[in-house]
Amino acid sequence: MTGPATAAPAAPASPLSGPSGCRAREVLDLVAGKWSLAVVDTLGAGPMRFSELKRAIGGISQRMLTVTLRGLERDGILTRTVYAVMPPNVTYELTTMGRTLLEATRPVVQWSLENIAAIDAARAEFDAGTNPS
């Protein structure tokens, strides 16, 4: 005779599924935006003017760069400094929190660079209909 069946231990809950998960997802949405990481990574080289950022980040429109910079400034990731000279000079620079974000996301950026070819191959296989699942 065997004892009563015991359930397998439950997997630990994901930090994103708990009560504070909603706020964490909100922050992740900020940094996972299409252009946010590109701006943070580019500013990792040091303070830059708007035009320098626009040139350094291929494909971003002026409007999207403006929106991204404002959002990152609002969230304390970067600072915007206006110098009272003619013509006015505005620079953007990572804050201390922005630098910690840069360090936290650099491995993800590196992973993406290392896996571009494998992801392209997986997409091509999937799109060709040879996906085994």
C-alpha atoms as a PDB file:
ATOM      1  CA  MET A   1       0.000   0.000   0.000  1.00  0.00           C
ATOM      2  CA  THR A   2       1.353   3.338  -0.944  1.00  0.00           C
ATOM      3  CA  GLY A   3       0.903   6.602   0.921  1.00  0.00           C
ATOM      4  CA  PRO A   4      -1.146   9.501  -0.312  1.00  0.00           C
ATOM      5  CA  ALA A   5       0.138  11.145  -3.433  1.00  0.00           C
ATOM      6  CA  THR A   6       2.028  14.313  -2.777  1.00  0.00           C
ATOM      7  CA  ALA A   7       2.099  17.141  -5.198  1.00  0.00           C
ATOM      8  CA  ALA A   8       5.409  18.179  -6.631  1.00  0.00           C
ATOM      9  CA  PRO A   9       6.730  21.331  -5.027  1.00  0.00           C
ATOM     10  CA  ALA A  10       5.528  24.415  -6.794  1.00  0.00           C
ATOM     11  CA  ALA A  11       8.035  26.282  -8.848  1.00  0.00           C
ATOM     12  CA  PRO A  12       9.002  29.568  -7.257  1.00  0.00           C
ATOM     13  CA  ALA A  13       6.919  32.442  -8.517  1.00  0.00           C
ATOM     14  CA  SER A  14       8.520  34.780 -10.988  1.00  0.00           C
ATOM     15  CA  PRO A  15       9.344  38.168  -9.496  1.00  0.00           C
ATOM     16  CA  LEU A  16       7.308  39.666 -12.334  1.00  0.00           C
ATOM     17  CA  SER A  17       4.176  37.768 -11.328  1.00  0.00           C
ATOM     18  CA  GLY A  18       4.010  38.978  -7.704  1.00  0.00           C
ATOM     19  CA  PRO A  19       2.363  42.099  -6.332  1.00  0.00           C
ATOM     20  CA  SER A  20       5.286  44.328  -7.254  1.00  0.00           C
ATOM     21  CA  GLY A  21       5.570  42.694 -10.678  1.00  0.00           C
ATOM     22  CA  CYS A  22       3.290  45.251 -12.291  1.00  0.00           C
ATOM     23  CA  ARG A  23       5.631  48.106 -11.350  1.00  0.00           C
ATOM     24  CA  ALA A  24       8.669  46.062 -12.410  1.00  0.00           C
ATOM     25  CA  ARG A  25       7.055  45.397 -15.798  1.00  0.00           C
ATOM     26  CA  GLU A  26       6.420  49.128 -16.112  1.00  0.00           C
ATOM     27  CA  VAL A  27      10.136  49.820 -15.617  1.00  0.00           C
ATOM     28  CA  LEU A  28      11.106  46.999 -17.986  1.00  0.00           C
ATOM     29  CA  ASP A  29       8.808  48.474 -20.628  1.00  0.00           C
ATOM     30  CA  LEU A  30      10.717  51.731 -20.288  1.00  0.00           C
ATOM     31  CA  VAL A  31      14.148  50.222 -20.790  1.00  0.00           C
ATOM     32  CA  ALA A  32      13.054  47.645 -23.332  1.00  0.00           C
ATOM     33  CA  GLY A  33      11.605  50.248 -25.664  1.00  0.00           C
ATOM     34  CA  LYS A  34      12.937  50.118 -29.185  1.00  0.00           C
ATOM     35  CA  TRP A  35      15.223  53.144 -28.769  1.00  0.00           C
ATOM     36  CA  SER A  36      15.839  53.440 -25.020  1.00  0.00           C
ATOM     37  CA  LEU A  37      18.672  50.926 -24.854  1.00  0.00           C
ATOM     38  CA  ALA A  38      20.293  52.442 -27.924  1.00  0.00           C
ATOM     39  CA  VAL A  39      20.272  55.885 -26.272  1.00  0.00           C
ATOM     40  CA  VAL A  40      21.588  54.535 -22.951  1.00  0.00           C
ATOM     41  CA  ASP A  41      24.284  52.499 -24.695  1.00  0.00           C
ATOM     42  CA  THR A  42      25.350  55.457 -26.836  1.00  0.00           C
ATOM     43  CA  LEU A  43      25.494  57.812 -23.846  1.00  0.00           C
ATOM     44  CA  GLY A  44      27.742  55.253 -22.156  1.00  0.00           C
ATOM     45  CA  ALA A  45      30.549  56.905 -24.153  1.00  0.00           C
ATOM     46  CA  GLY A  46      29.915  60.203 -22.343  1.00  0.00           C
ATOM     47  CA  PRO A  47      27.807  63.353 -22.642  1.00  0.00           C
ATOM     48  CA  MET A  48      26.470  64.143 -26.114  1.00  0.00           C
ATOM     49  CA  ARG A  49      24.504  66.809 -27.888  1.00  0.00           C
ATOM     50  CA  PHE A  50      21.215  65.957 -29.590  1.00  0.00           C
ATOM     51  CA  SER A  51      22.739  66.054 -33.080  1.00  0.00           C
ATOM     52  CA  GLU A  52      25.578  63.749 -32.009  1.00  0.00           C
ATOM     53  CA  LEU A  53      23.094  61.251 -30.608  1.00  0.00           C
ATOM     54  CA  LYS A  54      20.985  61.386 -33.758  1.00  0.00           C
ATOM     55  CA  ARG A  55      24.037  60.687 -35.940  1.00  0.00           C
ATOM     56  CA  ALA A  56      25.251  57.885 -33.659  1.00  0.00           C
ATOM     57  CA  ILE A  57      21.900  56.047 -33.512  1.00  0.00           C
ATOM     58  CA  GLY A  58      21.098  54.908 -37.026  1.00  0.00           C
ATOM     59  CA  GLY A  59      17.473  54.992 -38.101  1.00  0.00           C
ATOM     60  CA  ILE A  60      16.011  57.046 -35.259  1.00  0.00           C
ATOM     61  CA  SER A  61      13.860  60.005 -36.265  1.00  0.00           C
ATOM     62  CA  GLN A  62      14.223  63.407 -34.648  1.00  0.00           C
ATOM     63  CA  ARG A  63      10.788  63.088 -33.052  1.00  0.00           C
ATOM     64  CA  MET A  64      11.457  59.593 -31.672  1.00  0.00           C
ATOM     65  CA  LEU A  65      14.808  60.684 -30.239  1.00  0.00           C
ATOM     66  CA  THR A  66      13.108  63.664 -28.570  1.00  0.00           C
ATOM     67  CA  VAL A  67      10.373  61.452 -27.079  1.00  0.00           C
ATOM     68  CA  THR A  68      12.905  58.852 -25.892  1.00  0.00           C
ATOM     69  CA  LEU A  69      15.188  61.462 -24.320  1.00  0.00           C
ATOM     70  CA  ARG A  70      12.269  63.102 -22.494  1.00  0.00           C
ATOM     71  CA  GLY A  71      11.079  59.762 -21.136  1.00  0.00           C
ATOM     72  CA  LEU A  72      14.543  58.760 -19.947  1.00  0.00           C
ATOM     73  CA  GLU A  73      15.031  62.191 -18.368  1.00  0.00           C
ATOM     74  CA  ARG A  74      11.665  61.945 -16.602  1.00  0.00           C
ATOM     75  CA  ASP A  75      12.604  58.550 -15.193  1.00  0.00           C
ATOM     76  CA  GLY A  76      15.967  59.753 -13.901  1.00  0.00           C
ATOM     77  CA  ILE A  77      18.089  57.791 -16.393  1.00  0.00           C
ATOM     78  CA  LEU A  78      19.721  60.843 -17.953  1.00  0.00           C
ATOM     79  CA  THR A  79      20.086  64.546 -17.398  1.00  0.00           C
ATOM     80  CA  ARG A  80      19.627  67.360 -19.870  1.00  0.00           C
ATOM     81  CA  THR A  81      21.902  70.346 -19.358  1.00  0.00           C
ATOM     82  CA  VAL A  82      21.354  73.634 -21.179  1.00  0.00           C
ATOM     83  CA  TYR A  83      24.354  75.924 -21.526  1.00  0.00           C
ATOM     84  CA  ALA A  84      23.533  79.624 -21.966  1.00  0.00           C
ATOM     85  CA  VAL A  85      25.741  80.301 -24.960  1.00  0.00           C
ATOM     86  CA  MET A  86      24.961  81.366 -28.501  1.00  0.00           C
ATOM     87  CA  PRO A  87      23.754  79.208 -30.089  1.00  0.00           C
ATOM     88  CA  PRO A  88      22.303  77.360 -27.073  1.00  0.00           C
ATOM     89  CA  ASN A  89      24.138  74.145 -26.270  1.00  0.00           C
ATOM     90  CA  VAL A  90      22.203  71.213 -24.782  1.00  0.00           C
ATOM     91  CA  THR A  91      23.898  68.012 -23.683  1.00  0.00           C
ATOM     92  CA  TYR A  92      22.553  64.723 -22.416  1.00  0.00           C
ATOM     93  CA  GLU A  93      24.390  62.536 -19.918  1.00  0.00           C
ATOM     94  CA  LEU A  94      23.638  59.365 -17.983  1.00  0.00           C
ATOM     95  CA  THR A  95      22.848  59.784 -14.292  1.00  0.00           C
ATOM     96  CA  THR A  96      24.213  57.421 -11.666  1.00  0.00           C
ATOM     97  CA  MET A  97      21.057  55.342 -12.097  1.00  0.00           C
ATOM     98  CA  GLY A  98      21.509  55.476 -15.866  1.00  0.00           C
ATOM     99  CA  ARG A  99      25.037  54.115 -15.533  1.00  0.00           C
ATOM    100  CA  THR A 100      23.748  51.214 -13.429  1.00  0.00           C
ATOM    101  CA  LEU A 101      21.175  50.538 -16.148  1.00  0.00           C
ATOM    102  CA  LEU A 102      23.957  50.589 -18.734  1.00  0.00           C
ATOM    103  CA  GLU A 103      25.954  48.012 -16.769  1.00  0.00           C
ATOM    104  CA  ALA A 104      22.860  45.834 -16.266  1.00  0.00           C
ATOM    105  CA  THR A 105      21.900  45.865 -19.950  1.00  0.00           C
ATOM    106  CA  ARG A 106      25.317  45.523 -21.571  1.00  0.00           C
ATOM    107  CA  PRO A 107      25.222  41.697 -21.232  1.00  0.00           C
ATOM    108  CA  VAL A 108      21.818  41.648 -22.988  1.00  0.00           C
ATOM    109  CA  VAL A 109      23.153  43.839 -25.789  1.00  0.00           C
ATOM    110  CA  GLN A 110      26.223  41.593 -26.104  1.00  0.00           C
ATOM    111  CA  TRP A 111      24.020  38.472 -26.127  1.00  0.00           C
ATOM    112  CA  SER A 112      21.913  39.940 -28.923  1.00  0.00           C
ATOM    113  CA  LEU A 113      24.999  40.746 -30.995  1.00  0.00           C
ATOM    114  CA  GLU A 114      26.385  37.243 -30.495  1.00  0.00           C
ATOM    115  CA  ASN A 115      23.095  35.569 -31.435  1.00  0.00           C
ATOM    116  CA  ILE A 116      21.894  37.615 -34.415  1.00  0.00           C
ATOM    117  CA  ALA A 117      22.865  34.912 -36.931  1.00  0.00           C
ATOM    118  CA  ALA A 118      21.211  32.124 -34.917  1.00  0.00           C
ATOM    119  CA  ILE A 119      18.022  34.170 -34.504  1.00  0.00           C
ATOM    120  CA  ASP A 120      17.965  34.975 -38.227  1.00  0.00           C
ATOM    121  CA  ALA A 121      18.369  31.247 -39.005  1.00  0.00           C
ATOM    122  CA  ALA A 122      15.598  30.277 -36.577  1.00  0.00           C
ATOM    123  CA  ARG A 123      13.264  32.866 -38.094  1.00  0.00           C
ATOM    124  CA  ALA A 124      14.026  31.691 -41.624  1.00  0.00           C
ATOM    125  CA  GLU A 125      13.385  28.079 -40.616  1.00  0.00           C
ATOM    126  CA  PHE A 126      10.137  29.003 -38.902  1.00  0.00           C
ATOM    127  CA  ASP A 127       8.966  31.155 -41.805  1.00  0.00           C
ATOM    128  CA  ALA A 128       9.788  28.357 -44.250  1.00  0.00           C
ATOM    129  CA  GLY A 129       7.400  26.095 -42.380  1.00  0.00           C
ATOM    130  CA  THR A 130      10.046  23.586 -41.338  1.00  0.00           C
ATOM    131  CA  ASN A 131       9.505  24.298 -37.667  1.00  0.00           C
ATOM    132  CA  PRO A 132       9.264  20.904 -35.899  1.00  0.00           C
ATOM    133  CA  SER A 133       6.688  22.106 -33.361  1.00  0.00           C
END
